[in-house]
N, C-alpha and C. Protein backbone atom coordinates (compact mmCIF):
# COMPACT_ATOMS: atom_id res chain seq x y z
N MET A 1 3.40 23.48 -5.98
CA MET A 1 2.36 22.65 -5.31
C MET A 1 2.93 22.27 -3.92
N ASP A 2 2.07 22.27 -2.94
CA ASP A 2 2.47 21.79 -1.66
C ASP A 2 2.23 20.34 -1.50
N THR A 3 2.79 19.77 -0.45
CA THR A 3 2.73 18.31 -0.25
C THR A 3 1.32 17.77 -0.12
N THR A 4 0.43 18.55 0.63
CA THR A 4 -0.92 18.11 0.80
C THR A 4 -1.66 18.05 -0.50
N THR A 5 -1.48 19.00 -1.40
CA THR A 5 -2.14 19.01 -2.71
C THR A 5 -1.69 17.78 -3.50
N ILE A 6 -0.39 17.59 -3.56
CA ILE A 6 0.21 16.44 -4.31
C ILE A 6 -0.40 15.11 -3.77
N PHE A 7 -0.42 15.01 -2.45
CA PHE A 7 -0.98 13.83 -1.88
C PHE A 7 -2.39 13.56 -2.23
N CYS A 8 -3.26 14.59 -2.16
CA CYS A 8 -4.63 14.48 -2.48
C CYS A 8 -4.87 14.04 -3.92
N GLU A 9 -4.10 14.62 -4.86
CA GLU A 9 -4.18 14.22 -6.24
C GLU A 9 -3.75 12.80 -6.45
N SER A 10 -2.63 12.42 -5.83
CA SER A 10 -2.13 11.04 -5.97
C SER A 10 -3.08 10.06 -5.38
N ASP A 11 -3.68 10.39 -4.21
CA ASP A 11 -4.60 9.47 -3.58
C ASP A 11 -5.86 9.23 -4.41
N GLU A 12 -6.38 10.34 -5.00
CA GLU A 12 -7.59 10.15 -5.85
C GLU A 12 -7.24 9.30 -7.06
N PHE A 13 -6.05 9.50 -7.62
CA PHE A 13 -5.64 8.63 -8.76
C PHE A 13 -5.53 7.16 -8.34
N CYS A 14 -4.92 6.87 -7.19
CA CYS A 14 -4.73 5.54 -6.71
C CYS A 14 -6.06 4.84 -6.40
N LYS A 15 -7.03 5.60 -5.86
CA LYS A 15 -8.34 5.01 -5.59
C LYS A 15 -9.02 4.52 -6.83
N GLU A 16 -8.77 5.18 -7.92
CA GLU A 16 -9.36 4.79 -9.25
C GLU A 16 -8.51 3.72 -9.93
N PHE A 17 -7.18 3.88 -9.87
CA PHE A 17 -6.24 3.01 -10.59
C PHE A 17 -6.07 1.62 -10.01
N GLU A 18 -5.87 1.54 -8.73
CA GLU A 18 -5.51 0.23 -8.10
C GLU A 18 -6.55 -0.86 -8.29
N PRO A 19 -7.86 -0.60 -8.13
CA PRO A 19 -8.83 -1.63 -8.34
C PRO A 19 -8.81 -2.13 -9.82
N ARG A 20 -8.66 -1.22 -10.73
CA ARG A 20 -8.64 -1.59 -12.15
C ARG A 20 -7.40 -2.36 -12.52
N TRP A 21 -6.31 -2.02 -11.93
CA TRP A 21 -5.04 -2.69 -12.12
C TRP A 21 -5.08 -4.12 -11.58
N GLU A 22 -5.68 -4.33 -10.45
CA GLU A 22 -5.84 -5.65 -9.85
C GLU A 22 -6.74 -6.52 -10.69
N GLN A 23 -7.73 -6.00 -11.40
CA GLN A 23 -8.57 -6.82 -12.27
C GLN A 23 -7.80 -7.31 -13.49
N HIS A 24 -6.83 -6.54 -13.95
CA HIS A 24 -6.08 -6.91 -15.17
C HIS A 24 -4.86 -7.85 -14.88
N LEU A 25 -4.56 -8.05 -13.67
CA LEU A 25 -3.41 -8.94 -13.34
C LEU A 25 -3.79 -10.40 -13.61
N LEU A 26 -2.79 -11.16 -14.05
CA LEU A 26 -3.03 -12.58 -14.23
C LEU A 26 -3.02 -13.28 -12.91
N GLU A 27 -3.87 -14.32 -12.77
CA GLU A 27 -3.92 -15.13 -11.56
C GLU A 27 -2.68 -15.96 -11.44
N SER A 28 -2.17 -16.13 -10.30
CA SER A 28 -0.98 -16.97 -10.06
C SER A 28 -1.40 -18.14 -9.08
N SER A 29 -0.76 -19.23 -9.27
CA SER A 29 -1.06 -20.41 -8.41
C SER A 29 -0.33 -20.19 -7.09
N LEU A 30 0.61 -19.32 -6.97
CA LEU A 30 1.32 -19.02 -5.71
C LEU A 30 0.49 -18.12 -4.87
N LYS A 31 0.46 -18.43 -3.63
CA LYS A 31 -0.25 -17.48 -2.66
C LYS A 31 0.68 -16.36 -2.32
N ARG A 32 0.18 -15.16 -2.34
CA ARG A 32 0.97 -13.99 -2.01
C ARG A 32 0.39 -13.33 -0.84
N ARG A 33 1.22 -12.77 -0.01
CA ARG A 33 0.75 -12.00 1.13
C ARG A 33 0.27 -10.64 0.68
N ARG A 34 -0.78 -10.18 1.19
CA ARG A 34 -1.37 -8.90 0.82
C ARG A 34 -1.31 -7.93 2.03
N ARG A 35 -0.18 -7.96 2.68
CA ARG A 35 0.04 -7.20 3.87
C ARG A 35 0.16 -5.72 3.52
N GLN A 36 -0.43 -4.88 4.29
CA GLN A 36 -0.35 -3.46 4.04
C GLN A 36 1.06 -2.97 4.43
N GLY A 37 1.70 -2.23 3.60
CA GLY A 37 3.02 -1.72 3.86
C GLY A 37 2.99 -0.53 4.81
N ALA A 38 4.19 -0.02 5.14
CA ALA A 38 4.30 1.12 6.01
C ALA A 38 3.80 2.40 5.28
N LEU A 39 4.06 2.48 4.02
CA LEU A 39 3.61 3.61 3.17
C LEU A 39 2.66 3.08 2.12
N CYS A 40 1.59 3.80 1.88
CA CYS A 40 0.66 3.39 0.81
C CYS A 40 1.23 3.93 -0.53
N LEU A 41 0.68 3.46 -1.62
CA LEU A 41 1.16 3.85 -2.95
C LEU A 41 1.01 5.37 -3.16
N SER A 42 -0.01 5.98 -2.69
CA SER A 42 -0.18 7.41 -2.87
C SER A 42 0.89 8.22 -2.10
N GLU A 43 1.35 7.72 -1.00
CA GLU A 43 2.44 8.37 -0.19
C GLU A 43 3.73 8.25 -0.96
N ILE A 44 4.01 7.06 -1.51
CA ILE A 44 5.21 6.85 -2.30
C ILE A 44 5.18 7.77 -3.52
N MET A 45 4.06 7.84 -4.21
CA MET A 45 3.95 8.75 -5.38
C MET A 45 4.15 10.21 -4.97
N THR A 46 3.64 10.59 -3.84
CA THR A 46 3.78 11.96 -3.35
C THR A 46 5.24 12.35 -3.16
N ILE A 47 5.98 11.45 -2.55
CA ILE A 47 7.43 11.67 -2.30
C ILE A 47 8.15 11.74 -3.61
N MET A 48 7.81 10.89 -4.58
CA MET A 48 8.47 10.91 -5.86
C MET A 48 8.16 12.15 -6.65
N VAL A 49 6.90 12.62 -6.65
CA VAL A 49 6.52 13.83 -7.37
C VAL A 49 7.20 15.01 -6.64
N GLY A 50 7.28 15.01 -5.35
CA GLY A 50 7.99 16.09 -4.62
C GLY A 50 9.39 16.15 -5.02
N PHE A 51 10.05 15.00 -5.24
CA PHE A 51 11.45 15.00 -5.67
C PHE A 51 11.63 15.66 -7.02
N HIS A 52 10.70 15.34 -7.96
CA HIS A 52 10.85 15.88 -9.33
C HIS A 52 10.49 17.37 -9.35
N LEU A 53 9.75 17.87 -8.39
CA LEU A 53 9.40 19.27 -8.30
C LEU A 53 10.47 20.04 -7.49
N SER A 54 11.29 19.30 -6.75
CA SER A 54 12.30 19.97 -5.94
C SER A 54 13.52 20.32 -6.83
N GLY A 55 14.53 20.91 -6.29
CA GLY A 55 15.73 21.26 -7.05
C GLY A 55 16.84 20.25 -6.87
N TYR A 56 16.59 19.16 -6.14
CA TYR A 56 17.60 18.20 -5.83
C TYR A 56 18.05 17.43 -7.09
N ARG A 57 19.35 17.11 -7.19
CA ARG A 57 19.87 16.32 -8.30
C ARG A 57 19.70 14.82 -8.05
N THR A 58 19.81 14.37 -6.83
CA THR A 58 19.68 12.95 -6.60
C THR A 58 18.57 12.71 -5.62
N PHE A 59 17.91 11.58 -5.74
CA PHE A 59 16.80 11.25 -4.88
C PHE A 59 17.30 10.98 -3.49
N LYS A 60 18.46 10.35 -3.33
CA LYS A 60 18.99 10.06 -2.00
C LYS A 60 19.16 11.33 -1.17
N HIS A 61 19.74 12.36 -1.76
CA HIS A 61 19.89 13.61 -1.05
C HIS A 61 18.52 14.25 -0.71
N TYR A 62 17.59 14.20 -1.63
CA TYR A 62 16.26 14.70 -1.33
C TYR A 62 15.61 13.97 -0.17
N TYR A 63 15.66 12.68 -0.21
CA TYR A 63 14.98 11.90 0.83
C TYR A 63 15.62 12.08 2.16
N LEU A 64 16.97 12.04 2.20
CA LEU A 64 17.66 12.16 3.50
C LEU A 64 17.65 13.56 4.06
N ASN A 65 17.75 14.61 3.17
CA ASN A 65 17.88 16.00 3.62
C ASN A 65 16.51 16.70 3.71
N ASP A 66 15.55 16.24 2.98
CA ASP A 66 14.23 16.96 3.02
C ASP A 66 13.17 16.15 3.61
N VAL A 67 12.92 14.99 3.08
CA VAL A 67 11.78 14.15 3.54
C VAL A 67 11.98 13.77 4.98
N LEU A 68 13.09 13.08 5.32
CA LEU A 68 13.32 12.62 6.66
C LEU A 68 13.45 13.76 7.70
N ARG A 69 13.88 14.92 7.32
CA ARG A 69 14.05 16.02 8.24
C ARG A 69 12.78 16.89 8.40
N TYR A 70 12.20 17.25 7.24
CA TYR A 70 11.13 18.28 7.32
C TYR A 70 9.72 17.79 7.00
N GLN A 71 9.58 16.58 6.44
CA GLN A 71 8.27 16.09 6.03
C GLN A 71 7.77 14.92 6.86
N ARG A 72 8.41 14.67 8.01
CA ARG A 72 7.98 13.56 8.89
C ARG A 72 6.50 13.64 9.29
N ASP A 73 6.05 14.83 9.53
CA ASP A 73 4.63 15.09 9.98
C ASP A 73 3.69 14.66 8.87
N TYR A 74 4.06 14.78 7.67
CA TYR A 74 3.15 14.39 6.52
C TYR A 74 3.06 12.90 6.30
N PHE A 75 4.12 12.20 6.71
CA PHE A 75 4.20 10.74 6.49
C PHE A 75 4.47 10.04 7.78
N PRO A 76 3.46 9.66 8.55
CA PRO A 76 3.65 8.99 9.86
C PRO A 76 4.36 7.66 9.80
N GLY A 77 4.23 6.98 8.72
CA GLY A 77 4.91 5.65 8.63
C GLY A 77 6.18 5.69 7.83
N LEU A 78 6.87 6.84 7.85
CA LEU A 78 8.11 7.00 7.11
C LEU A 78 9.14 5.94 7.43
N VAL A 79 9.82 5.48 6.40
CA VAL A 79 10.85 4.43 6.58
C VAL A 79 12.24 5.01 6.19
N SER A 80 13.22 4.17 6.43
CA SER A 80 14.61 4.62 6.08
C SER A 80 14.73 4.69 4.56
N TYR A 81 15.79 5.30 4.10
CA TYR A 81 16.04 5.46 2.68
C TYR A 81 16.10 4.13 1.97
N HIS A 82 16.85 3.16 2.53
CA HIS A 82 17.04 1.87 1.88
C HIS A 82 15.72 1.14 1.83
N ARG A 83 14.92 1.16 2.84
CA ARG A 83 13.58 0.50 2.82
C ARG A 83 12.71 1.22 1.78
N PHE A 84 12.79 2.52 1.67
CA PHE A 84 11.94 3.24 0.74
C PHE A 84 12.27 2.81 -0.66
N VAL A 85 13.56 2.67 -0.97
CA VAL A 85 13.96 2.17 -2.31
C VAL A 85 13.34 0.78 -2.57
N GLU A 86 13.37 -0.09 -1.61
CA GLU A 86 12.73 -1.42 -1.77
C GLU A 86 11.29 -1.30 -2.04
N LEU A 87 10.57 -0.47 -1.28
CA LEU A 87 9.13 -0.23 -1.51
C LEU A 87 8.87 0.38 -2.88
N LEU A 88 9.72 1.25 -3.29
CA LEU A 88 9.56 1.90 -4.60
C LEU A 88 9.68 0.87 -5.72
N GLN A 89 10.56 -0.07 -5.63
CA GLN A 89 10.68 -1.11 -6.66
C GLN A 89 9.45 -1.97 -6.68
N GLY A 90 8.80 -2.21 -5.58
CA GLY A 90 7.63 -3.01 -5.56
C GLY A 90 6.40 -2.28 -5.96
N SER A 91 6.45 -0.95 -5.97
CA SER A 91 5.24 -0.16 -6.34
C SER A 91 5.22 0.26 -7.81
N LEU A 92 6.35 0.02 -8.52
CA LEU A 92 6.37 0.40 -9.96
C LEU A 92 5.46 -0.54 -10.74
N VAL A 93 4.73 0.06 -11.68
CA VAL A 93 3.82 -0.69 -12.48
C VAL A 93 4.48 -1.03 -13.83
């Protein structure tokens, strides 16, 4: 599968999943910022699926050697490896 196909499938899933997920979350008395991140959830999912379909053993090598070098055109808001790991932790359900 190419990156565009993976992104389209991930984006369609996120369009259906995220609103339903938000409905099931418990309300909190704390106010939270709802600022849009540099990468959307479907872009994060696309990079993760690409890693699992690649032949790389570690995600760090995949991200540094493949995503940052060759896939920059696909992800205009691409962030550093360390920032991506932080975004990944926040995007896990």
